[in-house]
C-alpha atoms as a PDB file:
ATOM      1  CA  MET A   1       0.008  -0.087   0.197  1.00  0.00           C
ATOM      2  CA  GLN A   2       1.204   3.612  -0.909  1.00  0.00           C
ATOM      3  CA  ASP A   3       1.764   5.370   1.266  1.00  0.00           C
ATOM      4  CA  VAL A   4       0.187   9.512   0.637  1.00  0.00           C
ATOM      5  CA  ARG A   5       2.007  12.245   1.655  1.00  0.00           C
ATOM      6  CA  VAL A   6       0.250  15.429   2.580  1.00  0.00           C
ATOM      7  CA  ILE A   7       2.518  18.484   1.831  1.00  0.00           C
ATOM      8  CA  PRO A   8       1.776  21.353   4.642  1.00  0.00           C
ATOM      9  CA  GLY A   9      -0.111  24.083   3.095  1.00  0.00           C
ATOM     10  CA  GLU A  10      -1.184  22.118  -0.297  1.00  0.00           C
ATOM     11  CA  VAL A  11      -4.676  20.979  -0.941  1.00  0.00           C
ATOM     12  CA  PRO A  12      -5.059  16.995  -2.447  1.00  0.00           C
ATOM     13  CA  ARG A  13      -6.430  17.333  -5.753  1.00  0.00           C
ATOM     14  CA  HIS A  14      -9.501  15.271  -5.111  1.00  0.00           C
ATOM     15  CA  GLY A  15     -10.403  17.322  -2.240  1.00  0.00           C
ATOM     16  CA  ARG A  16     -10.395  20.579  -4.556  1.00  0.00           C
ATOM     17  CA  LEU A  17     -13.075  18.408  -6.501  1.00  0.00           C
ATOM     18  CA  VAL A  18     -15.251  17.901  -3.514  1.00  0.00           C
ATOM     19  CA  ALA A  19     -15.146  21.296  -2.532  1.00  0.00           C
ATOM     20  CA  TRP A  20     -16.395  22.381  -5.780  1.00  0.00           C
ATOM     21  CA  ALA A  21     -18.980  20.172  -5.998  1.00  0.00           C
ATOM     22  CA  VAL A  22     -20.093  21.305  -2.397  1.00  0.00           C
ATOM     23  CA  THR A  23     -19.969  24.498  -3.385  1.00  0.00           C
ATOM     24  CA  SER A  24     -21.836  24.397  -6.763  1.00  0.00           C
ATOM     25  CA  SER A  25     -24.365  22.460  -4.951  1.00  0.00           C
ATOM     26  CA  CYS A  26     -25.132  24.717  -2.541  1.00  0.00           C
ATOM     27  CA  ILE A  27     -25.213  27.865  -5.018  1.00  0.00           C
ATOM     28  CA  VAL A  28     -27.799  25.612  -7.106  1.00  0.00           C
ATOM     29  CA  HIS A  29     -30.247  25.377  -4.356  1.00  0.00           C
ATOM     30  CA  VAL A  30     -29.610  28.777  -3.049  1.00  0.00           C
ATOM     31  CA  ALA A  31     -30.856  30.086  -6.630  1.00  0.00           C
ATOM     32  CA  VAL A  32     -33.494  27.697  -6.643  1.00  0.00           C
ATOM     33  CA  VAL A  33     -34.583  29.155  -3.118  1.00  0.00           C
ATOM     34  CA  ALA A  34     -34.461  32.336  -4.534  1.00  0.00           C
ATOM     35  CA  ALA A  35     -36.283  31.372  -7.689  1.00  0.00           C
ATOM     36  CA  LEU A  36     -39.099  30.426  -5.178  1.00  0.00           C
ATOM     37  CA  LEU A  37     -38.947  33.370  -3.438  1.00  0.00           C
ATOM     38  CA  VAL A  38     -39.032  35.430  -6.332  1.00  0.00           C
ATOM     39  CA  SER A  39     -41.808  34.071  -7.531  1.00  0.00           C
ATOM     40  CA  ARG A  40     -44.277  34.406  -4.343  1.00  0.00           C
ATOM     41  CA  VAL A  41     -43.320  38.404  -4.439  1.00  0.00           C
ATOM     42  CA  ARG A  42     -45.645  41.131  -5.832  1.00  0.00           C
ATOM     43  CA  PHE A  43     -43.720  43.849  -7.498  1.00  0.00           C
ATOM     44  CA  ASP A  44     -47.715  45.380  -8.258  1.00  0.00           C
ATOM     45  CA  PHE A  45     -49.088  47.039  -4.925  1.00  0.00           C
ATOM     46  CA  GLY A  46     -52.651  47.117  -6.769  1.00  0.00           C
ATOM     47  CA  PRO A  47     -55.957  45.295  -5.597  1.00  0.00           C
ATOM     48  CA  ARG A  48     -55.311  41.606  -5.563  1.00  0.00           C
ATOM     49  CA  PRO A  49     -58.148  39.726  -7.286  1.00  0.00           C
ATOM     50  CA  ASP A  50     -59.394  37.108  -4.688  1.00  0.00           C
ATOM     51  CA  ARG A  51     -58.536  33.184  -5.280  1.00  0.00           C
ATOM     52  CA  LEU A  52     -60.255  30.223  -4.266  1.00  0.00           C
ATOM     53  CA  THR A  53     -57.162  29.192  -2.637  1.00  0.00           C
ATOM     54  CA  ASP A  54     -56.280  32.485  -0.645  1.00  0.00           C
ATOM     55  CA  VAL A  55     -57.457  31.067   2.520  1.00  0.00           C
ATOM     56  CA  ALA A  56     -57.479  27.049   3.373  1.00  0.00           C
ATOM     57  CA  GLY A  57     -60.679  25.302   3.837  1.00  0.00           C
ATOM     58  CA  ALA A  58     -62.980  28.499   2.567  1.00  0.00           C
ATOM     59  CA  THR A  59     -63.449  30.596  -0.705  1.00  0.00           C
ATOM     60  CA  LEU A  60     -64.505  34.114  -1.370  1.00  0.00           C
ATOM     61  CA  LEU A  61     -65.975  33.185  -4.444  1.00  0.00           C
ATOM     62  CA  SER A  62     -70.088  33.542  -3.781  1.00  0.00           C
ATOM     63  CA  PHE A  63     -72.805  33.468  -6.168  1.00  0.00           C
ATOM     64  CA  THR A  64     -75.789  36.257  -5.800  1.00  0.00           C
ATOM     65  CA  PRO A  65     -78.634  34.813  -7.603  1.00  0.00           C
ATOM     66  CA  GLU A  66     -80.252  37.163  -9.542  1.00  0.00           C
ATOM     67  CA  PRO A  67     -83.845  38.701  -8.317  1.00  0.00           C
ATOM     68  CA  VAL A  68     -86.477  36.988  -9.990  1.00  0.00           C
ATOM     69  CA  PRO A  69     -88.625  39.944 -11.758  1.00  0.00           C
ATOM     70  CA  GLN A  70     -92.114  39.902  -9.964  1.00  0.00           C
ATOM     71  CA  PRO A  71     -95.024  40.295 -12.121  1.00  0.00           C
ATOM     72  CA  VAL A  72     -96.308  43.674 -11.861  1.00  0.00           C
ATOM     73  CA  GLU A  73    -100.039  43.632 -10.848  1.00  0.00           C
ATOM     74  CA  GLN A  74    -102.504  45.222 -13.212  1.00  0.00           C
ATOM     75  CA  PRO A  75    -104.923  47.589 -11.284  1.00  0.00           C
ATOM     76  CA  GLU A  76    -108.371  45.936 -12.267  1.00  0.00           C
ATOM     77  CA  ALA A  77    -110.634  48.323 -14.037  1.00  0.00           C
ATOM     78  CA  LYS A  78    -113.562  49.161 -11.261  1.00  0.00           C
ATOM     79  CA  ALA A  79    -116.822  49.253 -13.409  1.00  0.00           C
ATOM     80  CA  GLU A  80    -118.571  52.433 -13.475  1.00  0.00           C
ATOM     81  CA  PRO A  81    -121.265  52.782 -11.054  1.00  0.00           C
ATOM     82  CA  ALA A  82    -124.702  53.556 -12.703  1.00  0.00           C
ATOM     83  CA  PRO A  83    -125.447  57.075 -12.559  1.00  0.00           C
ATOM     84  CA  ALA A  84    -127.724  57.607  -9.476  1.00  0.00           C
ATOM     85  CA  ALA A  85    -130.864  59.521 -10.132  1.00  0.00           C
ATOM     86  CA  GLN A  86    -129.846  62.901  -9.392  1.00  0.00           C
ATOM     87  CA  ALA A  87    -132.474  64.714  -7.125  1.00  0.00           C
ATOM     88  CA  PRO A  88    -133.223  68.072  -7.440  1.00  0.00           C
ATOM     89  CA  ALA A  89    -131.104  70.619  -5.939  1.00  0.00           C
ATOM     90  CA  PRO A  90    -132.397  71.885  -3.012  1.00  0.00           C
ATOM     91  CA  PRO A  91    -133.596  75.347  -2.693  1.00  0.00           C
ATOM     92  CA  LYS A  92    -131.157  78.014  -1.632  1.00  0.00           C
ATOM     93  CA  GLU A  93    -131.766  79.013   1.536  1.00  0.00           C
ATOM     94  CA  VAL A  94    -131.958  82.553   2.038  1.00  0.00           C
ATOM     95  CA  ASP A  95    -130.337  84.093   5.559  1.00  0.00           C
ATOM     96  CA  GLU A  96    -133.605  85.791   6.878  1.00  0.00           C
ATOM     97  CA  ARG A  97    -131.265  88.098   8.711  1.00  0.00           C
ATOM     98  CA  PHE A  98    -129.943  90.133   6.108  1.00  0.00           C
ATOM     99  CA  GLY A  99    -131.012  88.388   2.868  1.00  0.00           C
ATOM    100  CA  GLU A 100    -127.423  86.676   2.217  1.00  0.00           C
ATOM    101  CA  PRO A 101    -127.421  83.327   0.966  1.00  0.00           C
ATOM    102  CA  THR A 102    -127.046  81.035   3.827  1.00  0.00           C
ATOM    103  CA  PRO A 103    -123.938  78.568   3.171  1.00  0.00           C
ATOM    104  CA  PRO A 104    -124.973  74.464   3.347  1.00  0.00           C
ATOM    105  CA  ALA A 105    -124.653  73.256   6.729  1.00  0.00           C
ATOM    106  CA  PRO A 106    -121.717  70.608   6.961  1.00  0.00           C
ATOM    107  CA  VAL A 107    -122.494  66.844   7.147  1.00  0.00           C
ATOM    108  CA  GLN A 108    -121.763  65.776  10.534  1.00  0.00           C
ATOM    109  CA  ASP A 109    -121.527  62.116  11.993  1.00  0.00           C
ATOM    110  CA  ALA A 110    -122.448  63.311  15.426  1.00  0.00           C
ATOM    111  CA  PRO A 111    -126.416  63.868  16.075  1.00  0.00           C
ATOM    112  CA  PRO A 112    -127.598  67.079  15.510  1.00  0.00           C
ATOM    113  CA  ALA A 113    -127.997  69.858  18.542  1.00  0.00           C
ATOM    114  CA  PRO A 114    -130.505  70.125  20.460  1.00  0.00           C
ATOM    115  CA  ARG A 115    -134.229  71.923  19.674  1.00  0.00           C
ATOM    116  CA  SER A 116    -133.365  74.710  21.728  1.00  0.00           C
ATOM    117  CA  LEU A 117    -132.522  77.527  19.916  1.00  0.00           C
ATOM    118  CA  ILE A 118    -130.586  79.900  22.621  1.00  0.00           C
ATOM    119  CA  SER A 119    -129.115  78.148  25.704  1.00  0.00           C
ATOM    120  CA  ASP A 120    -126.214  78.489  27.293  1.00  0.00           C
ATOM    121  CA  ALA A 121    -125.099  75.218  26.426  1.00  0.00           C
ATOM    122  CA  PRO A 122    -122.138  74.859  24.317  1.00  0.00           C
ATOM    123  CA  ALA A 123    -123.898  73.568  21.304  1.00  0.00           C
ATOM    124  CA  ALA A 124    -126.044  76.870  20.939  1.00  0.00           C
ATOM    125  CA  ALA A 125    -122.394  78.854  21.423  1.00  0.00           C
ATOM    126  CA  ALA A 126    -121.222  76.733  18.399  1.00  0.00           C
ATOM    127  CA  SER A 127    -124.218  78.474  16.335  1.00  0.00           C
ATOM    128  CA  PRO A 128    -123.070  80.718  13.624  1.00  0.00           C
ATOM    129  CA  ALA A 129    -123.468  84.166  14.931  1.00  0.00           C
ATOM    130  CA  PRO A 130    -125.596  86.879  13.031  1.00  0.00           C
ATOM    131  CA  ALA A 131    -123.612  88.560  10.127  1.00  0.00           C
ATOM    132  CA  VAL A 132    -122.841  92.234  10.597  1.00  0.00           C
ATOM    133  CA  PRO A 133    -124.637  94.503   8.513  1.00  0.00           C
ATOM    134  CA  GLY A 134    -122.446  96.377   6.153  1.00  0.00           C
ATOM    135  CA  PRO A 135    -122.817  99.808   5.115  1.00  0.00           C
ATOM    136  CA  HIS A 136    -124.782  98.874   2.210  1.00  0.00           C
ATOM    137  CA  MET A 137    -126.871  95.857   3.631  1.00  0.00           C
ATOM    138  CA  GLN A 138    -130.081  96.779   5.625  1.00  0.00           C
ATOM    139  CA  PRO A 139    -130.884  95.056   8.689  1.00  0.00           C
ATOM    140  CA  ARG A 140    -133.932  92.159   8.151  1.00  0.00           C
ATOM    141  CA  ALA A 141    -136.373  90.478  10.262  1.00  0.00           C
ATOM    142  CA  SER A 142    -138.354  87.745   9.500  1.00  0.00           C
ATOM    143  CA  PHE A 143    -141.076  85.176  11.479  1.00  0.00           C
ATOM    144  CA  ALA A 144    -142.780  82.141   9.471  1.00  0.00           C
ATOM    145  CA  GLY A 145    -141.398  83.252   6.272  1.00  0.00           C
ATOM    146  CA  VAL A 146    -142.864  86.311   6.162  1.00  0.00           C
ATOM    147  CA  GLU A 147    -139.825  89.013   6.270  1.00  0.00           C
ATOM    148  CA  ALA A 148    -139.031  92.928   5.713  1.00  0.00           C
ATOM    149  CA  SER A 149    -136.150  95.371   5.448  1.00  0.00           C
ATOM    150  CA  PRO A 150    -135.280  97.527   7.021  1.00  0.00           C
ATOM    151  CA  ALA A 151    -135.946  96.445  10.464  1.00  0.00           C
ATOM    152  CA  ARG A 152    -133.532  98.224  13.264  1.00  0.00           C
ATOM    153  CA  ARG A 153    -136.671  98.407  15.810  1.00  0.00           C
ATOM    154  CA  VAL A 154    -138.965  95.319  15.862  1.00  0.00           C
ATOM    155  CA  VAL A 155    -142.506  94.649  17.506  1.00  0.00           C
ATOM    156  CA  TYR A 156    -143.705  91.026  18.146  1.00  0.00           C
ATOM    157  CA  LEU A 157    -147.763  91.227  19.291  1.00  0.00           C
ATOM    158  CA  VAL A 158    -148.804  87.823  20.516  1.00  0.00           C
ATOM    159  CA  ASP A 159    -152.431  87.099  21.021  1.00  0.00           C
ATOM    160  CA  ALA A 160    -152.728  84.963  23.810  1.00  0.00           C
ATOM    161  CA  SER A 161    -156.503  84.276  23.678  1.00  0.00           C
ATOM    162  CA  GLY A 162    -158.184  81.173  24.269  1.00  0.00           C
ATOM    163  CA  ALA A 163    -158.203  80.848  20.412  1.00  0.00           C
ATOM    164  CA  MET A 164    -154.524  80.292  20.475  1.00  0.00           C
ATOM    165  CA  THR A 165    -154.293  77.299  22.436  1.00  0.00           C
ATOM    166  CA  SER A 166    -153.426  74.847  19.738  1.00  0.00           C
ATOM    167  CA  SER A 167    -151.015  77.882  18.236  1.00  0.00           C
ATOM    168  CA  LEU A 168    -149.141  79.224  20.677  1.00  0.00           C
ATOM    169  CA  LYS A 169    -146.007  76.381  21.106  1.00  0.00           C
ATOM    170  CA  PHE A 170    -145.412  76.908  17.330  1.00  0.00           C
ATOM    171  CA  VAL A 171    -145.517  80.886  18.053  1.00  0.00           C
ATOM    172  CA  LYS A 172    -143.231  80.741  20.995  1.00  0.00           C
ATOM    173  CA  GLU A 173    -140.780  78.347  18.764  1.00  0.00           C
ATOM    174  CA  GLU A 174    -140.880  80.618  15.658  1.00  0.00           C
ATOM    175  CA  LEU A 175    -140.541  83.970  17.642  1.00  0.00           C
ATOM    176  CA  THR A 176    -137.412  82.643  19.501  1.00  0.00           C
ATOM    177  CA  ARG A 177    -135.604  81.502  16.005  1.00  0.00           C
ATOM    178  CA  SER A 178    -136.596  85.162  14.638  1.00  0.00           C
ATOM    179  CA  VAL A 179    -135.237  87.205  17.467  1.00  0.00           C
ATOM    180  CA  ALA A 180    -131.990  84.670  17.346  1.00  0.00           C
ATOM    181  CA  ARG A 181    -131.722  85.860  13.949  1.00  0.00           C
ATOM    182  CA  LEU A 182    -131.576  89.647  14.846  1.00  0.00           C
ATOM    183  CA  HIS A 183    -128.327  91.376  14.945  1.00  0.00           C
ATOM    184  CA  GLU A 184    -127.333  93.228  18.085  1.00  0.00           C
ATOM    185  CA  ASP A 185    -127.444  96.416  16.081  1.00  0.00           C
ATOM    186  CA  GLN A 186    -131.261  95.658  16.156  1.00  0.00           C
ATOM    187  CA  SER A 187    -133.785  96.041  18.986  1.00  0.00           C
ATOM    188  CA  PHE A 188    -137.025  94.423  19.344  1.00  0.00           C
ATOM    189  CA  GLN A 189    -139.992  94.155  22.254  1.00  0.00           C
ATOM    190  CA  VAL A 190    -142.352  90.998  22.571  1.00  0.00           C
ATOM    191  CA  ILE A 191    -146.010  92.183  24.287  1.00  0.00           C
ATOM    192  CA  VAL A 192    -148.613  89.293  24.856  1.00  0.00           C
ATOM    193  CA  PHE A 193    -152.089  90.501  24.726  1.00  0.00           C
ATOM    194  CA  ARG A 194    -155.666  89.007  26.081  1.00  0.00           C
ATOM    195  CA  THR A 195    -158.725  89.871  27.585  1.00  0.00           C
ATOM    196  CA  PRO A 196    -158.845  87.803  30.553  1.00  0.00           C
ATOM    197  CA  VAL A 197    -162.609  86.168  31.157  1.00  0.00           C
ATOM    198  CA  GLY A 198    -164.837  88.646  32.845  1.00  0.00           C
ATOM    199  CA  SER A 199    -162.913  91.690  32.279  1.00  0.00           C
ATOM    200  CA  GLN A 200    -163.832  94.599  29.741  1.00  0.00           C
ATOM    201  CA  SER A 201    -160.126  95.479  30.048  1.00  0.00           C
ATOM    202  CA  VAL A 202    -157.250  93.971  27.683  1.00  0.00           C
ATOM    203  CA  ASP A 203    -153.977  93.035  29.817  1.00  0.00           C
ATOM    204  CA  LEU A 204    -150.410  93.361  28.061  1.00  0.00           C
ATOM    205  CA  SER A 205    -147.298  91.582  29.231  1.00  0.00           C
ATOM    206  CA  TYR A 206    -144.511  93.560  28.225  1.00  0.00           C
ATOM    207  CA  PHE A 207    -140.716  91.279  27.917  1.00  0.00           C
ATOM    208  CA  ALA A 208    -137.848  92.872  29.803  1.00  0.00           C
ATOM    209  CA  VAL A 209    -134.685  91.874  30.380  1.00  0.00           C
ATOM    210  CA  ASN A 210    -134.422  90.950  34.440  1.00  0.00           C
ATOM    211  CA  GLY A 211    -137.166  93.014  35.541  1.00  0.00           C
ATOM    212  CA  GLY A 212    -136.054  96.101  33.805  1.00  0.00           C
ATOM    213  CA  SER A 213    -138.105  98.623  31.805  1.00  0.00           C
ATOM    214  CA  PRO A 214    -140.881  97.583  29.267  1.00  0.00           C
ATOM    215  CA  SER A 215    -138.904  99.173  26.226  1.00  0.00           C
ATOM    216  CA  MET A 216    -137.164  98.310  22.898  1.00  0.00           C
ATOM    217  CA  THR A 217    -134.615  95.888  23.987  1.00  0.00           C
ATOM    218  CA  GLN A 218    -131.109  95.601  22.751  1.00  0.00           C
ATOM    219  CA  ALA A 219    -131.055  92.447  20.583  1.00  0.00           C
ATOM    220  CA  THR A 220    -127.660  90.702  22.263  1.00  0.00           C
ATOM    221  CA  ARG A 221    -127.266  87.247  23.631  1.00  0.00           C
ATOM    222  CA  ARG A 222    -128.164  88.124  26.917  1.00  0.00           C
ATOM    223  CA  ALA A 223    -131.850  89.296  25.595  1.00  0.00           C
ATOM    224  CA  LYS A 224    -132.054  86.327  23.540  1.00  0.00           C
ATOM    225  CA  ILE A 225    -131.226  84.364  26.575  1.00  0.00           C
ATOM    226  CA  ALA A 226    -134.106  85.914  28.486  1.00  0.00           C
ATOM    227  CA  LEU A 227    -136.795  85.815  25.818  1.00  0.00           C
ATOM    228  CA  ALA A 228    -135.999  82.413  25.792  1.00  0.00           C
ATOM    229  CA  ASN A 229    -136.445  81.898  29.521  1.00  0.00           C
ATOM    230  CA  TRP A 230    -139.755  84.301  29.545  1.00  0.00           C
ATOM    231  CA  LEU A 231    -141.989  82.902  26.923  1.00  0.00           C
ATOM    232  CA  PRO A 232    -142.730  79.401  28.367  1.00  0.00           C
ATOM    233  CA  GLN A 233    -144.745  81.582  30.864  1.00  0.00           C
ATOM    234  CA  VAL A 234    -147.116  82.654  28.602  1.00  0.00           C
ATOM    235  CA  ARG A 235    -150.263  80.863  28.908  1.00  0.00           C
ATOM    236  CA  PRO A 236    -153.441  81.397  26.641  1.00  0.00           C
ATOM    237  CA  GLY A 237    -156.990  82.190  27.605  1.00  0.00           C
ATOM    238  CA  GLY A 238    -160.100  84.992  27.683  1.00  0.00           C
ATOM    239  CA  LYS A 239    -160.574  86.624  24.894  1.00  0.00           C
ATOM    240  CA  SER A 240    -158.222  88.926  22.016  1.00  0.00           C
ATOM    241  CA  ASP A 241    -158.716  92.616  21.471  1.00  0.00           C
ATOM    242  CA  VAL A 242    -155.905  93.307  19.212  1.00  0.00           C
ATOM    243  CA  LEU A 243    -156.213  97.710  19.103  1.00  0.00           C
ATOM    244  CA  PRO A 244    -155.487  98.406  22.422  1.00  0.00           C
ATOM    245  CA  ALA A 245    -151.913  95.856  21.620  1.00  0.00           C
ATOM    246  CA  LEU A 246    -151.493  98.041  18.478  1.00  0.00           C
ATOM    247  CA  ARG A 247    -151.506 101.234  20.220  1.00  0.00           C
ATOM    248  CA  ALA A 248    -148.800  99.869  22.769  1.00  0.00           C
ATOM    249  CA  ALA A 249    -146.673  98.948  19.648  1.00  0.00           C
ATOM    250  CA  LEU A 250    -146.805 101.829  17.863  1.00  0.00           C
ATOM    251  CA  SER A 251    -145.881 103.992  21.129  1.00  0.00           C
ATOM    252  CA  ASP A 252    -142.388 102.197  20.755  1.00  0.00           C
ATOM    253  CA  SER A 253    -141.528 103.971  17.415  1.00  0.00           C
ATOM    254  CA  PRO A 254    -140.852 100.800  15.465  1.00  0.00           C
ATOM    255  CA  ASP A 255    -140.210 100.407  12.033  1.00  0.00           C
ATOM    256  CA  LEU A 256    -141.917  97.035  11.794  1.00  0.00           C
ATOM    257  CA  VAL A 257    -144.589  95.161  13.638  1.00  0.00           C
ATOM    258  CA  PHE A 258    -145.408  91.458  13.739  1.00  0.00           C
ATOM    259  CA  VAL A 259    -149.296  90.719  14.404  1.00  0.00           C
ATOM    260  CA  LEU A 260    -149.529  87.027  15.749  1.00  0.00           C
ATOM    261  CA  MET A 261    -152.832  86.300  16.548  1.00  0.00           C
ATOM    262  CA  ARG A 262    -155.989  84.125  14.888  1.00  0.00           C
ATOM    263  CA  SER A 263    -158.690  86.712  15.634  1.00  0.00           C
ATOM    264  CA  ILE A 264    -161.935  84.948  14.976  1.00  0.00           C
ATOM    265  CA  ASN A 265    -164.670  86.417  17.028  1.00  0.00           C
ATOM    266  CA  ARG A 266    -167.494  83.964  17.153  1.00  0.00           C
ATOM    267  CA  SER A 267    -169.566  86.169  19.574  1.00  0.00           C
ATOM    268  CA  VAL A 268    -173.396  86.117  19.021  1.00  0.00           C
ATOM    269  CA  GLY A 269    -173.877  89.760  17.713  1.00  0.00           C
ATOM    270  CA  PHE A 270    -170.654  90.850  17.128  1.00  0.00           C
ATOM    271  CA  ASP A 271    -170.366  93.603  13.844  1.00  0.00           C
ATOM    272  CA  ALA A 272    -167.376  92.870  12.060  1.00  0.00           C
ATOM    273  CA  GLU A 273    -167.870  95.581   9.774  1.00  0.00           C
ATOM    274  CA  GLN A 274    -168.226  98.044  12.378  1.00  0.00           C
ATOM    275  CA  SER A 275    -165.199  96.816  14.878  1.00  0.00           C
ATOM    276  CA  ASN A 276    -163.055  96.672  11.632  1.00  0.00           C
ATOM    277  CA  ARG A 277    -163.387 100.258  10.631  1.00  0.00           C
ATOM    278  CA  VAL A 278    -162.765 101.128  14.360  1.00  0.00           C
ATOM    279  CA  VAL A 279    -159.445  99.779  14.405  1.00  0.00           C
ATOM    280  CA  LEU A 280    -158.624 100.684  10.740  1.00  0.00           C
ATOM    281  CA  ASP A 281    -159.573 104.140  11.318  1.00  0.00           C
ATOM    282  CA  ALA A 282    -157.440 104.604  14.593  1.00  0.00           C
ATOM    283  CA  LEU A 283    -154.232 102.992  12.677  1.00  0.00           C
ATOM    284  CA  GLU A 284    -154.599 105.482   9.947  1.00  0.00           C
ATOM    285  CA  SER A 285    -154.113 108.428  13.081  1.00  0.00           C
ATOM    286  CA  LEU A 286    -151.489 105.878  15.036  1.00  0.00           C
ATOM    287  CA  ASN A 287    -149.167 105.371  11.569  1.00  0.00           C
ATOM    288  CA  PRO A 288    -150.201 107.690   9.016  1.00  0.00           C
ATOM    289  CA  LYS A 289    -148.698 108.494   5.540  1.00  0.00           C
ATOM    290  CA  ASN A 290    -146.133 110.898   5.218  1.00  0.00           C
ATOM    291  CA  SER A 291    -145.617 112.860   2.048  1.00  0.00           C
ATOM    292  CA  GLU A 292    -144.096 110.617   0.137  1.00  0.00           C
ATOM    293  CA  GLY A 293    -147.031 107.782   0.720  1.00  0.00           C
ATOM    294  CA  PHE A 294    -144.945 106.166   3.420  1.00  0.00           C
ATOM    295  CA  ARG A 295    -145.765 104.708   6.704  1.00  0.00           C
ATOM    296  CA  PRO A 296    -143.560 105.282  10.301  1.00  0.00           C
ATOM    297  CA  ALA A 297    -144.198 101.733  10.209  1.00  0.00           C
ATOM    298  CA  ARG A 298    -144.779  98.701   8.736  1.00  0.00           C
ATOM    299  CA  ILE A 299    -147.343  95.903   9.570  1.00  0.00           C
ATOM    300  CA  LYS A 300    -146.908  92.203   8.900  1.00  0.00           C
ATOM    301  CA  THR A 301    -149.858  90.128   9.650  1.00  0.00           C
ATOM    302  CA  ILE A 302    -149.357  86.059  10.348  1.00  0.00           C
ATOM    303  CA  GLN A 303    -152.822  84.343  10.465  1.00  0.00           C
ATOM    304  CA  PHE A 304    -152.947  80.708  12.275  1.00  0.00           C
ATOM    305  CA  LEU A 305    -154.777  78.063  11.637  1.00  0.00           C
ATOM    306  CA  ASP A 306    -157.991  79.547   9.596  1.00  0.00           C
ATOM    307  CA  ASP A 307    -158.103  82.647   7.487  1.00  0.00           C
ATOM    308  CA  ASP A 308    -159.883  85.280   9.667  1.00  0.00           C
ATOM    309  CA  PRO A 309    -163.201  85.452   8.301  1.00  0.00           C
ATOM    310  CA  THR A 310    -163.803  89.120   9.013  1.00  0.00           C
ATOM    311  CA  GLY A 311    -160.505  90.063   6.813  1.00  0.00           C
ATOM    312  CA  LEU A 312    -159.055  92.321   9.840  1.00  0.00           C
ATOM    313  CA  LEU A 313    -155.934  90.907   9.460  1.00  0.00           C
ATOM    314  CA  GLN A 314    -155.564  90.712   5.875  1.00  0.00           C
ATOM    315  CA  GLU A 315    -157.269  94.384   5.829  1.00  0.00           C
ATOM    316  CA  ILE A 316    -154.178  95.920   7.937  1.00  0.00           C
ATOM    317  CA  ALA A 317    -151.477  94.130   6.363  1.00  0.00           C
ATOM    318  CA  ARG A 318    -152.533  95.627   2.790  1.00  0.00           C
ATOM    319  CA  LEU A 319    -152.861  99.300   4.122  1.00  0.00           C
ATOM    320  CA  HIS A 320    -149.676  99.324   6.708  1.00  0.00           C
ATOM    321  CA  GLY A 321    -147.788  96.333   4.893  1.00  0.00           C
ATOM    322  CA  ASP A 322    -144.886  96.772   2.319  1.00  0.00           C
ATOM    323  CA  SER A 323    -145.906  94.384  -0.548  1.00  0.00           C
ATOM    324  CA  ALA A 324    -148.892  91.474  -1.729  1.00  0.00           C
ATOM    325  CA  GLY A 325    -146.665  89.148   1.140  1.00  0.00           C
ATOM    326  CA  SER A 326    -147.192  90.960   4.162  1.00  0.00           C
ATOM    327  CA  TYR A 327    -150.126  88.737   5.183  1.00  0.00           C
ATOM    328  CA  ARG A 328    -149.380  85.073   5.561  1.00  0.00           C
ATOM    329  CA  LEU A 329    -151.583  81.818   6.612  1.00  0.00           C
ATOM    330  CA  VAL A 330    -150.029  79.492   8.917  1.00  0.00           C
ATOM    331  CA  GLY A 331    -152.338  76.496   8.420  1.00  0.00           C
ATOM    332  CA  ARG A 332    -153.333  73.544  10.569  1.00  0.00           C
ATOM    333  CA  ALA A 333    -150.669  70.981   8.510  1.00  0.00           C
ATOM    334  CA  GLU A 334    -147.767  73.407   9.277  1.00  0.00           C
ATOM    335  CA  VAL A 335    -148.375  73.904  12.836  1.00  0.00           C
ATOM    336  CA  LEU A 336    -148.971  70.104  13.020  1.00  0.00           C
ATOM    337  CA  GLN A 337    -145.711  69.043  11.530  1.00  0.00           C
ATOM    338  CA  GLN A 338    -143.300  71.039  13.834  1.00  0.00           C
ATOM    339  CA  GLU A 339    -145.196  69.475  16.603  1.00  0.00           C
ATOM    340  CA  ARG A 340    -144.309  66.354  15.517  1.00  0.00           C
ATOM    341  CA  GLY A 341    -141.097  67.201  14.418  1.00  0.00           C
ATOM    342  CA  GLY A 342    -140.128  68.263  17.995  1.00  0.00           C
ATOM    343  CA  GLU A 343    -141.814  65.138  19.751  1.00  0.00           C
ATOM    344  CA  LYS A 344    -139.133  63.087  17.503  1.00  0.00           C
ATOM    345  CA  GLU A 345    -136.102  65.346  18.618  1.00  0.00           C
ATOM    346  CA  LYS A 346    -137.509  64.821  22.434  1.00  0.00           C
END
């Protein structure tokens, strides 16, 4: 066996080969590792698209189903209702206070207000107040469809004789309504007349607010309420004589007088023609015409139940009224209809 001698400082030949192989192998491995690292590095810093394998065991890919279009429901064609028979248009109501059209009453689900026309209750307070007359408007007054203008001073003569027993309730209710329509700029007076049984003199009862003087009363709310409380005290009885009541009414210098009576005298031996002449002559002096042919007061007469067979009320209206409508007959049917209406509302 041959001895190999190693000279210090000299590398054997085969040792150099081994060293070169190891070095080459390391370089190759380093290059491979570097290539792998370079392949994993991103040099653009933009957004990175998601991939299915970015997270182990999970995927970021999702599928959102497109909304299924819903069918559009077409509105059903509504059948046109058959045209109902058109009711005749209601007659236009005229505000009896000053002749202005009255607006239609609002439709309400609530029950109607109580029949009482003047009251301290809230229902009455909700009623519209009479319109204030303007400079071009004349104040009006009306009773049961008979009206007049101007009417700043109004006197109501109420027959409270026994002949008015079946009509007095109607008169009281209509009188309350008539006064309720007056404005505060107007004034009024109510005179009740009758001749008690066994007496020869006419009894005159005057309305006065809280015991005040029996004169013209301003048509305030307070006065209207006082009148509504005073009228129930009026009771029918005895006979009627209208002339003393007319004298009393005209002494207050009114511009309008309503005479509310039945005026049918059935006494034996009664001379209607002579009696009428006495009344008409007295009225001619109490309410004469001026130089222009006008009288200080217009007198309107309202008859109840039956026409006056003596013709007195018709003649008073003709001579002292201002139109053919100054006389009116309120028949039995109208009186009974109002009474039935009042009973239904109770």
